[in-house]
Protein backbone atom coordinates (compact mmCIF):
# COMPACT_ATOMS: atom_id res chain seq x y z
CA MET A 1 0.00 0.00 0.00
CA SER A 2 1.12 3.53 -0.67
CA LEU A 3 1.21 6.23 1.96
CA GLN A 4 -1.93 7.86 0.56
CA ASP A 5 -3.76 4.52 0.64
CA ASP A 6 -2.78 4.04 4.28
CA LEU A 7 -3.90 7.56 5.17
CA THR A 8 -7.22 7.02 3.40
CA ALA A 9 -7.76 3.72 5.23
CA ALA A 10 -6.96 5.40 8.54
CA GLN A 11 -9.41 8.19 7.69
CA ARG A 12 -12.18 5.65 6.97
CA SER A 13 -11.47 3.85 10.23
CA LEU A 14 -11.56 7.14 12.10
CA ASP A 15 -14.91 7.99 10.47
CA ASP A 16 -16.27 4.62 11.61
CA LEU A 17 -14.94 5.27 15.11
CA GLU A 18 -16.65 8.66 15.24
CA ARG A 19 -19.97 7.14 14.19
CA SER A 20 -19.62 4.44 16.86
CA VAL A 21 -18.75 7.00 19.51
CA GLY A 22 -21.79 9.03 18.47
CA ARG A 23 -24.04 5.99 18.90
CA LEU A 24 -22.47 5.23 22.28
CA GLU A 25 -22.96 8.83 23.33
CA ALA A 26 -26.64 8.58 22.44
CA GLN A 27 -27.02 5.41 24.53
CA VAL A 28 -24.84 6.29 27.51
CA GLY A 29 -25.32 10.03 27.72
CA GLY A 30 -22.78 12.80 28.08
CA GLY A 31 -20.81 11.59 31.09
CA LEU A 32 -17.16 12.18 31.74
CA ASP A 33 -16.05 8.88 30.21
CA ILE A 34 -17.80 9.43 26.88
CA ARG A 35 -16.56 13.02 26.74
CA ARG A 36 -13.03 11.71 27.20
CA VAL A 37 -13.53 9.22 24.34
CA ARG A 38 -14.99 12.01 22.18
CA SER A 39 -11.99 14.21 22.98
CA ASP A 40 -9.58 11.40 22.10
CA THR A 41 -11.39 10.89 18.81
CA ASP A 42 -11.10 14.60 18.03
CA HIS A 43 -7.38 14.51 18.82
CA LEU A 44 -6.96 11.53 16.49
CA ARG A 45 -8.69 13.46 13.71
CA GLU A 46 -6.39 16.46 14.23
CA SER A 47 -3.29 14.25 14.33
CA LEU A 48 -4.28 12.45 11.16
CA GLN A 49 -4.83 15.79 9.42
CA LEU A 50 -1.37 16.95 10.54
CA LEU A 51 0.07 13.73 9.17
CA ARG A 52 -1.71 14.26 5.86
CA ASP A 53 -0.43 17.84 5.66
CA GLY A 54 3.11 16.76 6.50
CA SER A 55 3.13 14.02 3.90
CA ALA A 56 1.78 16.36 1.22
CA ASP A 57 4.52 18.95 1.87
CA ALA A 58 7.36 16.42 1.78
CA PRO A 59 9.00 15.64 -1.57
CA GLY A 60 7.63 12.51 -3.23
CA GLY A 61 4.62 12.44 -0.90
CA ARG A 62 6.72 10.84 1.84
CA PRO A 63 6.68 12.06 5.43
CA ALA A 64 9.39 14.52 6.33
CA TYR A 65 10.67 12.31 9.17
CA ALA A 66 12.07 8.84 9.50
CA VAL A 67 9.96 6.00 10.87
CA GLY A 68 11.48 3.68 13.45
CA ALA A 69 11.80 0.06 12.34
CA ARG A 70 10.47 -1.46 15.56
CA THR A 71 7.74 0.92 16.64
CA GLY A 72 6.54 2.36 13.33
CA ARG A 73 6.60 5.74 15.04
CA PRO A 74 8.70 8.71 13.96
CA SER A 75 12.22 8.42 15.28
CA ALA A 76 14.08 11.38 16.71
CA PRO A 77 16.31 13.21 14.25
CA ALA A 78 19.99 12.41 14.53
CA PRO A 79 21.80 14.94 16.74
CA GLU A 80 24.18 17.32 15.02
CA MET A 81 27.83 16.31 15.33
CA VAL A 82 29.89 18.77 17.38
CA THR A 83 33.66 18.75 16.89
CA ILE A 84 35.66 19.33 20.06
CA PRO A 85 39.20 20.60 19.45
CA ASP A 86 42.18 18.75 20.92
CA ALA A 87 43.80 22.00 22.11
CA PRO A 88 43.83 22.37 25.92
CA TYR A 89 41.33 24.71 27.52
CA ASP A 90 42.43 28.06 28.89
CA ALA A 91 43.34 27.57 32.58
CA ALA A 92 41.71 30.93 33.41
CA LEU A 93 38.32 29.29 32.78
CA TRP A 94 38.81 27.16 35.88
CA ALA A 95 40.51 29.73 38.16
CA ASP A 96 37.54 30.21 40.52
CA ALA A 97 36.09 26.71 40.19
CA GLU A 98 35.94 24.25 43.06
CA ASP A 99 36.67 20.56 42.69
CA GLU A 100 33.38 18.79 43.16
CA GLY A 101 33.22 17.24 46.59
CA LEU A 102 36.65 18.52 47.63
CA GLY A 103 35.96 22.19 48.15
CA ALA A 104 38.16 25.10 47.17
CA ARG A 105 41.87 24.54 46.56
CA ASP A 106 43.01 26.84 49.36
CA ARG A 107 40.82 25.17 52.01
CA ARG A 108 41.19 21.77 53.60
CA ALA A 109 38.46 19.17 53.50
CA PRO A 110 37.08 18.23 56.95
């Protein structure tokens, strides 16, 4: 299946879910539990729309993020590589610093 086919299938399933929640709401009433389910359904609709928008903006109709192999969820982007030079740090940076757990250099530990 293509991405658009999957999104369309998810949209149909979400429409079915909304109809079922509407029928449940008519039977059960507007209690806290059904309002929570209705809210979750609304959030799913918004999330699916965001996914549709994101896949339409990406080149080739593919989502603009990578999908994890195990979870099927978007994986975090790879962190940017930071190069740390081999040159020693300026000793003045540490002039007023205390050694952790040992206190200041001019004082004795108890």
